Amino acid sequence: DAERTSHPTQKPVEIMERIIRASCPHNGIVLDCFMGSGTTGVAAMQTERQCIGIERDQTYIDIANGRFIRAEIGASL
């Protein structure tokens, strides 16, 4: 799976998109207190929401930042 990262509890983006659409208004803000590899942030970007993420492990922060950059580039194409 191209979206898969090394994070042990990563969720599919599609599931997070469904949860975000059901629980956050369009253009709302999603808070992810355990950001991990950034799946929730990617899903928020793809559903036109903002996201605030908290993560203490620099390895996962780096993975998440890369995913956010790819998601931004994909959204602008």
PDB file of N, CA and C in Angstrom:
ATOM      1  N   ASP A   1       0.845  -1.179   0.000  1.00  0.00           N
ATOM      2  CA  ASP A   1       0.000   0.000   0.000  1.00  0.00           C
ATOM      3  C   ASP A   1       0.889   1.241   0.000  1.00  0.00           C
ATOM      4  N   ALA A   2       0.692   2.127  -0.956  1.00  0.00           N
ATOM      5  CA  ALA A   2       1.535   3.308  -1.113  1.00  0.00           C
ATOM      6  C   ALA A   2       1.416   4.274   0.057  1.00  0.00           C
ATOM      7  N   GLU A   3       0.302   4.276   0.736  1.00  0.00           N
ATOM      8  CA  GLU A   3       0.063   5.204   1.836  1.00  0.00           C
ATOM      9  C   GLU A   3       0.662   4.704   3.152  1.00  0.00           C
ATOM     10  N   ARG A   4       1.033   3.459   3.235  1.00  0.00           N
ATOM     11  CA  ARG A   4       1.503   2.833   4.476  1.00  0.00           C
ATOM     12  C   ARG A   4       2.840   3.412   4.943  1.00  0.00           C
ATOM     13  N   THR A   5       2.930   3.715   6.243  1.00  0.00           N
ATOM     14  CA  THR A   5       4.175   4.192   6.842  1.00  0.00           C
ATOM     15  C   THR A   5       4.632   3.176   7.881  1.00  0.00           C
ATOM     16  N   SER A   6       5.684   3.502   8.605  1.00  0.00           N
ATOM     17  CA  SER A   6       6.200   2.592   9.621  1.00  0.00           C
ATOM     18  C   SER A   6       5.475   2.700  10.964  1.00  0.00           C
ATOM     19  N   HIS A   7       4.488   3.565  11.067  1.00  0.00           N
ATOM     20  CA  HIS A   7       3.782   3.713  12.347  1.00  0.00           C
ATOM     21  C   HIS A   7       2.929   2.477  12.609  1.00  0.00           C
ATOM     22  N   PRO A   8       3.015   1.898  13.816  1.00  0.00           N
ATOM     23  CA  PRO A   8       2.335   0.623  14.089  1.00  0.00           C
ATOM     24  C   PRO A   8       0.811   0.680  14.161  1.00  0.00           C
ATOM     25  N   THR A   9       0.229   1.856  14.394  1.00  0.00           N
ATOM     26  CA  THR A   9      -1.235   1.924  14.512  1.00  0.00           C
ATOM     27  C   THR A   9      -1.858   2.854  13.476  1.00  0.00           C
ATOM     28  N   GLN A  10      -1.232   2.980  12.330  1.00  0.00           N
ATOM     29  CA  GLN A  10      -1.738   3.867  11.279  1.00  0.00           C
ATOM     30  C   GLN A  10      -3.111   3.416  10.805  1.00  0.00           C
ATOM     31  N   LYS A  11      -4.010   4.392  10.613  1.00  0.00           N
ATOM     32  CA  LYS A  11      -5.360   4.138  10.097  1.00  0.00           C
ATOM     33  C   LYS A  11      -5.413   4.523   8.624  1.00  0.00           C
ATOM     34  N   PRO A  12      -6.328   3.933   7.859  1.00  0.00           N
ATOM     35  CA  PRO A  12      -6.504   4.345   6.463  1.00  0.00           C
ATOM     36  C   PRO A  12      -7.060   5.775   6.370  1.00  0.00           C
ATOM     37  N   VAL A  13      -6.561   6.552   5.435  1.00  0.00           N
ATOM     38  CA  VAL A  13      -7.019   7.929   5.251  1.00  0.00           C
ATOM     39  C   VAL A  13      -8.529   7.969   5.018  1.00  0.00           C
ATOM     40  N   GLU A  14      -9.051   7.026   4.257  1.00  0.00           N
ATOM     41  CA  GLU A  14     -10.481   7.031   3.926  1.00  0.00           C
ATOM     42  C   GLU A  14     -11.353   6.934   5.182  1.00  0.00           C
ATOM     43  N   ILE A  15     -10.940   6.148   6.147  1.00  0.00           N
ATOM     44  CA  ILE A  15     -11.712   6.039   7.399  1.00  0.00           C
ATOM     45  C   ILE A  15     -11.669   7.361   8.150  1.00  0.00           C
ATOM     46  N   MET A  16     -10.495   7.966   8.233  1.00  0.00           N
ATOM     47  CA  MET A  16     -10.379   9.238   8.935  1.00  0.00           C
ATOM     48  C   MET A  16     -11.169  10.336   8.227  1.00  0.00           C
ATOM     49  N   GLU A  17     -11.215  10.314   6.898  1.00  0.00           N
ATOM     50  CA  GLU A  17     -12.024  11.294   6.170  1.00  0.00           C
ATOM     51  C   GLU A  17     -13.494  11.163   6.547  1.00  0.00           C
ATOM     52  N   ARG A  18     -13.994   9.936   6.632  1.00  0.00           N
ATOM     53  CA  ARG A  18     -15.398   9.719   7.008  1.00  0.00           C
ATOM     54  C   ARG A  18     -15.680  10.232   8.408  1.00  0.00           C
ATOM     55  N   ILE A  19     -14.776   9.949   9.342  1.00  0.00           N
ATOM     56  CA  ILE A  19     -14.945  10.413  10.725  1.00  0.00           C
ATOM     57  C   ILE A  19     -14.925  11.943  10.781  1.00  0.00           C
ATOM     58  N   ILE A  20     -13.998  12.551  10.063  1.00  0.00           N
ATOM     59  CA  ILE A  20     -13.889  14.015  10.065  1.00  0.00           C
ATOM     60  C   ILE A  20     -15.126  14.655   9.455  1.00  0.00           C
ATOM     61  N   ARG A  21     -15.589  14.141   8.328  1.00  0.00           N
ATOM     62  CA  ARG A  21     -16.802  14.707   7.702  1.00  0.00           C
ATOM     63  C   ARG A  21     -18.007  14.615   8.636  1.00  0.00           C
ATOM     64  N   ALA A  22     -18.084  13.524   9.409  1.00  0.00           N
ATOM     65  CA  ALA A  22     -19.222  13.311  10.303  1.00  0.00           C
ATOM     66  C   ALA A  22     -19.140  14.143  11.585  1.00  0.00           C
ATOM     67  N   SER A  23     -17.932  14.576  11.959  1.00  0.00           N
ATOM     68  CA  SER A  23     -17.800  15.199  13.276  1.00  0.00           C
ATOM     69  C   SER A  23     -17.221  16.617  13.275  1.00  0.00           C
ATOM     70  N   CYS A  24     -16.870  17.138  12.120  1.00  0.00           N
ATOM     71  CA  CYS A  24     -16.263  18.475  12.050  1.00  0.00           C
ATOM     72  C   CYS A  24     -16.869  19.237  10.883  1.00  0.00           C
ATOM     73  N   PRO A  25     -17.299  20.480  11.110  1.00  0.00           N
ATOM     74  CA  PRO A  25     -17.896  21.243  10.008  1.00  0.00           C
ATOM     75  C   PRO A  25     -16.874  21.588   8.929  1.00  0.00           C
ATOM     76  N   HIS A  26     -17.364  21.811   7.725  1.00  0.00           N
ATOM     77  CA  HIS A  26     -16.518  22.247   6.618  1.00  0.00           C
ATOM     78  C   HIS A  26     -15.746  23.483   7.059  1.00  0.00           C
ATOM     79  N   ASN A  27     -14.449  23.532   6.753  1.00  0.00           N
ATOM     80  CA  ASN A  27     -13.541  24.606   7.160  1.00  0.00           C
ATOM     81  C   ASN A  27     -13.307  24.652   8.665  1.00  0.00           C
ATOM     82  N   GLY A  28     -13.692  23.603   9.392  1.00  0.00           N
ATOM     83  CA  GLY A  28     -13.465  23.535  10.835  1.00  0.00           C
ATOM     84  C   GLY A  28     -12.030  23.151  11.156  1.00  0.00           C
ATOM     85  N   ILE A  29     -11.765  22.950  12.438  1.00  0.00           N
ATOM     86  CA  ILE A  29     -10.432  22.596  12.912  1.00  0.00           C
ATOM     87  C   ILE A  29     -10.493  21.254  13.633  1.00  0.00           C
ATOM     88  N   VAL A  30      -9.590  20.357  13.262  1.00  0.00           N
ATOM     89  CA  VAL A  30      -9.482  19.032  13.872  1.00  0.00           C
ATOM     90  C   VAL A  30      -8.264  19.050  14.795  1.00  0.00           C
ATOM     91  N   LEU A  31      -8.415  18.544  16.023  1.00  0.00           N
ATOM     92  CA  LEU A  31      -7.305  18.422  16.959  1.00  0.00           C
ATOM     93  C   LEU A  31      -6.919  16.956  17.065  1.00  0.00           C
ATOM     94  N   ASP A  32      -5.658  16.651  16.758  1.00  0.00           N
ATOM     95  CA  ASP A  32      -5.141  15.285  16.865  1.00  0.00           C
ATOM     96  C   ASP A  32      -4.017  15.302  17.894  1.00  0.00           C
ATOM     97  N   CYS A  33      -4.339  14.874  19.118  1.00  0.00           N
ATOM     98  CA  CYS A  33      -3.378  14.945  20.229  1.00  0.00           C
ATOM     99  C   CYS A  33      -2.285  13.888  20.155  1.00  0.00           C
ATOM    100  N   PHE A  34      -2.456  12.897  19.319  1.00  0.00           N
ATOM    101  CA  PHE A  34      -1.460  11.839  19.122  1.00  0.00           C
ATOM    102  C   PHE A  34      -1.285  11.652  17.624  1.00  0.00           C
ATOM    103  N   MET A  35      -0.607  12.588  16.972  1.00  0.00           N
ATOM    104  CA  MET A  35      -0.586  12.694  15.511  1.00  0.00           C
ATOM    105  C   MET A  35       0.062  11.511  14.805  1.00  0.00           C
ATOM    106  N   GLY A  36       1.056  10.889  15.404  1.00  0.00           N
ATOM    107  CA  GLY A  36       1.712   9.768  14.731  1.00  0.00           C
ATOM    108  C   GLY A  36       2.237  10.171  13.371  1.00  0.00           C
ATOM    109  N   SER A  37       1.897   9.405  12.356  1.00  0.00           N
ATOM    110  CA  SER A  37       2.415   9.657  11.008  1.00  0.00           C
ATOM    111  C   SER A  37       1.555  10.628  10.200  1.00  0.00           C
ATOM    112  N   GLY A  38       0.556  11.243  10.822  1.00  0.00           N
ATOM    113  CA  GLY A  38      -0.171  12.337  10.183  1.00  0.00           C
ATOM    114  C   GLY A  38      -1.398  11.975   9.372  1.00  0.00           C
ATOM    115  N   THR A  39      -1.924  10.777   9.514  1.00  0.00           N
ATOM    116  CA  THR A  39      -3.089  10.372   8.720  1.00  0.00           C
ATOM    117  C   THR A  39      -4.267  11.317   8.924  1.00  0.00           C
ATOM    118  N   THR A  40      -4.532  11.694  10.162  1.00  0.00           N
ATOM    119  CA  THR A  40      -5.660  12.591  10.434  1.00  0.00           C
ATOM    120  C   THR A  40      -5.441  13.946   9.772  1.00  0.00           C
ATOM    121  N   GLY A  41      -4.211  14.442   9.804  1.00  0.00           N
ATOM    122  CA  GLY A  41      -3.912  15.716   9.146  1.00  0.00           C
ATOM    123  C   GLY A  41      -4.112  15.659   7.647  1.00  0.00           C
ATOM    124  N   VAL A  42      -3.677  14.572   7.031  1.00  0.00           N
ATOM    125  CA  VAL A  42      -3.886  14.388   5.584  1.00  0.00           C
ATOM    126  C   VAL A  42      -5.382  14.339   5.274  1.00  0.00           C
ATOM    127  N   ALA A  43      -6.120  13.580   6.078  1.00  0.00           N
ATOM    128  CA  ALA A  43      -7.570  13.476   5.864  1.00  0.00           C
ATOM    129  C   ALA A  43      -8.244  14.833   6.054  1.00  0.00           C
ATOM    130  N   ALA A  44      -7.788  15.599   7.037  1.00  0.00           N
ATOM    131  CA  ALA A  44      -8.353  16.936   7.247  1.00  0.00           C
ATOM    132  C   ALA A  44      -8.092  17.823   6.030  1.00  0.00           C
ATOM    133  N   MET A  45      -6.877  17.789   5.512  1.00  0.00           N
ATOM    134  CA  MET A  45      -6.546  18.585   4.330  1.00  0.00           C
ATOM    135  C   MET A  45      -7.410  18.185   3.140  1.00  0.00           C
ATOM    136  N   GLN A  46      -7.615  16.884   2.965  1.00  0.00           N
ATOM    137  CA  GLN A  46      -8.377  16.399   1.818  1.00  0.00           C
ATOM    138  C   GLN A  46      -9.872  16.667   1.945  1.00  0.00           C
ATOM    139  N   THR A  47     -10.338  16.980   3.151  1.00  0.00           N
ATOM    140  CA  THR A  47     -11.761  17.285   3.353  1.00  0.00           C
ATOM    141  C   THR A  47     -11.976  18.759   3.679  1.00  0.00           C
ATOM    142  N   GLU A  48     -10.961  19.578   3.383  1.00  0.00           N
ATOM    143  CA  GLU A  48     -11.020  21.033   3.538  1.00  0.00           C
ATOM    144  C   GLU A  48     -11.260  21.466   4.982  1.00  0.00           C
ATOM    145  N   ARG A  49     -10.501  20.846   5.890  1.00  0.00           N
ATOM    146  CA  ARG A  49     -10.470  21.247   7.286  1.00  0.00           C
ATOM    147  C   ARG A  49      -9.031  21.577   7.652  1.00  0.00           C
ATOM    148  N   GLN A  50      -8.862  22.343   8.713  1.00  0.00           N
ATOM    149  CA  GLN A  50      -7.550  22.613   9.281  1.00  0.00           C
ATOM    150  C   GLN A  50      -7.264  21.541  10.324  1.00  0.00           C
ATOM    151  N   CYS A  51      -5.997  21.337  10.656  1.00  0.00           N
ATOM    152  CA  CYS A  51      -5.654  20.332  11.657  1.00  0.00           C
ATOM    153  C   CYS A  51      -4.517  20.840  12.536  1.00  0.00           C
ATOM    154  N   ILE A  52      -4.672  20.619  13.828  1.00  0.00           N
ATOM    155  CA  ILE A  52      -3.602  20.860  14.786  1.00  0.00           C
ATOM    156  C   ILE A  52      -3.175  19.493  15.287  1.00  0.00           C
ATOM    157  N   GLY A  53      -1.900  19.160  15.140  1.00  0.00           N
ATOM    158  CA  GLY A  53      -1.404  17.852  15.549  1.00  0.00           C
ATOM    159  C   GLY A  53      -0.319  17.966  16.601  1.00  0.00           C
ATOM    160  N   ILE A  54      -0.322  17.040  17.545  1.00  0.00           N
ATOM    161  CA  ILE A  54       0.689  16.985  18.603  1.00  0.00           C
ATOM    162  C   ILE A  54       1.375  15.628  18.530  1.00  0.00           C
ATOM    163  N   GLU A  55       2.701  15.642  18.481  1.00  0.00           N
ATOM    164  CA  GLU A  55       3.474  14.400  18.439  1.00  0.00           C
ATOM    165  C   GLU A  55       4.826  14.650  19.077  1.00  0.00           C
ATOM    166  N   ARG A  56       5.321  13.711  19.872  1.00  0.00           N
ATOM    167  CA  ARG A  56       6.606  13.901  20.544  1.00  0.00           C
ATOM    168  C   ARG A  56       7.762  13.180  19.872  1.00  0.00           C
ATOM    169  N   ASP A  57       7.484  12.238  18.997  1.00  0.00           N
ATOM    170  CA  ASP A  57       8.536  11.444  18.356  1.00  0.00           C
ATOM    171  C   ASP A  57       8.941  12.106  17.036  1.00  0.00           C
ATOM    172  N   GLN A  58      10.186  12.584  16.974  1.00  0.00           N
ATOM    173  CA  GLN A  58      10.657  13.313  15.800  1.00  0.00           C
ATOM    174  C   GLN A  58      10.577  12.475  14.526  1.00  0.00           C
ATOM    175  N   THR A  59      10.760  11.170  14.627  1.00  0.00           N
ATOM    176  CA  THR A  59      10.659  10.296  13.455  1.00  0.00           C
ATOM    177  C   THR A  59       9.281  10.409  12.823  1.00  0.00           C
ATOM    178  N   TYR A  60       8.237  10.365  13.640  1.00  0.00           N
ATOM    179  CA  TYR A  60       6.876  10.452  13.117  1.00  0.00           C
ATOM    180  C   TYR A  60       6.532  11.872  12.668  1.00  0.00           C
ATOM    181  N   ILE A  61       7.095  12.865  13.332  1.00  0.00           N
ATOM    182  CA  ILE A  61       6.888  14.248  12.883  1.00  0.00           C
ATOM    183  C   ILE A  61       7.444  14.418  11.470  1.00  0.00           C
ATOM    184  N   ASP A  62       8.626  13.873  11.225  1.00  0.00           N
ATOM    185  CA  ASP A  62       9.226  13.961   9.892  1.00  0.00           C
ATOM    186  C   ASP A  62       8.380  13.244   8.844  1.00  0.00           C
ATOM    187  N   ILE A  63       7.867  12.060   9.199  1.00  0.00           N
ATOM    188  CA  ILE A  63       6.992  11.315   8.274  1.00  0.00           C
ATOM    189  C   ILE A  63       5.737  12.131   7.991  1.00  0.00           C
ATOM    190  N   ALA A  64       5.125  12.664   9.046  1.00  0.00           N
ATOM    191  CA  ALA A  64       3.891  13.445   8.883  1.00  0.00           C
ATOM    192  C   ALA A  64       4.137  14.676   8.010  1.00  0.00           C
ATOM    193  N   ASN A  65       5.220  15.389   8.255  1.00  0.00           N
ATOM    194  CA  ASN A  65       5.512  16.580   7.443  1.00  0.00           C
ATOM    195  C   ASN A  65       5.664  16.233   5.974  1.00  0.00           C
ATOM    196  N   GLY A  66       6.325  15.133   5.671  1.00  0.00           N
ATOM    197  CA  GLY A  66       6.435  14.692   4.276  1.00  0.00           C
ATOM    198  C   GLY A  66       5.080  14.385   3.665  1.00  0.00           C
ATOM    199  N   ARG A  67       4.226  13.730   4.444  1.00  0.00           N
ATOM    200  CA  ARG A  67       2.876  13.414   3.950  1.00  0.00           C
ATOM    201  C   ARG A  67       2.069  14.686   3.725  1.00  0.00           C
ATOM    202  N   PHE A  68       2.217  15.681   4.616  1.00  0.00           N
ATOM    203  CA  PHE A  68       1.489  16.952   4.449  1.00  0.00           C
ATOM    204  C   PHE A  68       1.944  17.667   3.191  1.00  0.00           C
ATOM    205  N   ILE A  69       3.226  17.663   2.931  1.00  0.00           N
ATOM    206  CA  ILE A  69       3.744  18.297   1.714  1.00  0.00           C
ATOM    207  C   ILE A  69       3.184  17.603   0.480  1.00  0.00           C
ATOM    208  N   ARG A  70       3.194  16.278   0.463  1.00  0.00           N
ATOM    209  CA  ARG A  70       2.650  15.538  -0.690  1.00  0.00           C
ATOM    210  C   ARG A  70       1.156  15.799  -0.846  1.00  0.00           C
ATOM    211  N   ALA A  71       0.435  15.892   0.261  1.00  0.00           N
ATOM    212  CA  ALA A  71      -1.005  16.142   0.192  1.00  0.00           C
ATOM    213  C   ALA A  71      -1.276  17.540  -0.359  1.00  0.00           C
ATOM    214  N   GLU A  72      -0.474  18.535   0.041  1.00  0.00           N
ATOM    215  CA  GLU A  72      -0.629  19.896  -0.487  1.00  0.00           C
ATOM    216  C   GLU A  72      -0.343  19.949  -1.971  1.00  0.00           C
ATOM    217  N   ILE A  73       0.705  19.281  -2.400  1.00  0.00           N
ATOM    218  CA  ILE A  73       1.057  19.263  -3.825  1.00  0.00           C
ATOM    219  C   ILE A  73      -0.050  18.587  -4.614  1.00  0.00           C
ATOM    220  N   GLY A  74      -0.553  17.461  -4.115  1.00  0.00           N
ATOM    221  CA  GLY A  74      -1.636  16.739  -4.790  1.00  0.00           C
ATOM    222  C   GLY A  74      -2.902  17.570  -4.895  1.00  0.00           C
ATOM    223  N   ALA A  75      -3.185  18.378  -3.864  1.00  0.00           N
ATOM    224  CA  ALA A  75      -4.388  19.205  -3.864  1.00  0.00           C
ATOM    225  C   ALA A  75      -4.289  20.334  -4.875  1.00  0.00           C
ATOM    226  N   SER A  76      -3.075  20.764  -5.192  1.00  0.00           N
ATOM    227  CA  SER A  76      -2.918  21.887  -6.105  1.00  0.00           C
ATOM    228  C   SER A  76      -2.808  21.481  -7.567  1.00  0.00           C
ATOM    229  N   LEU A  77      -2.746  20.182  -7.837  1.00  0.00           N
ATOM    230  CA  LEU A  77      -2.631  19.732  -9.240  1.00  0.00           C
ATOM    231  C   LEU A  77      -3.959  19.744  -9.949  1.00  0.00           C
TER     232      LEU A  77
END
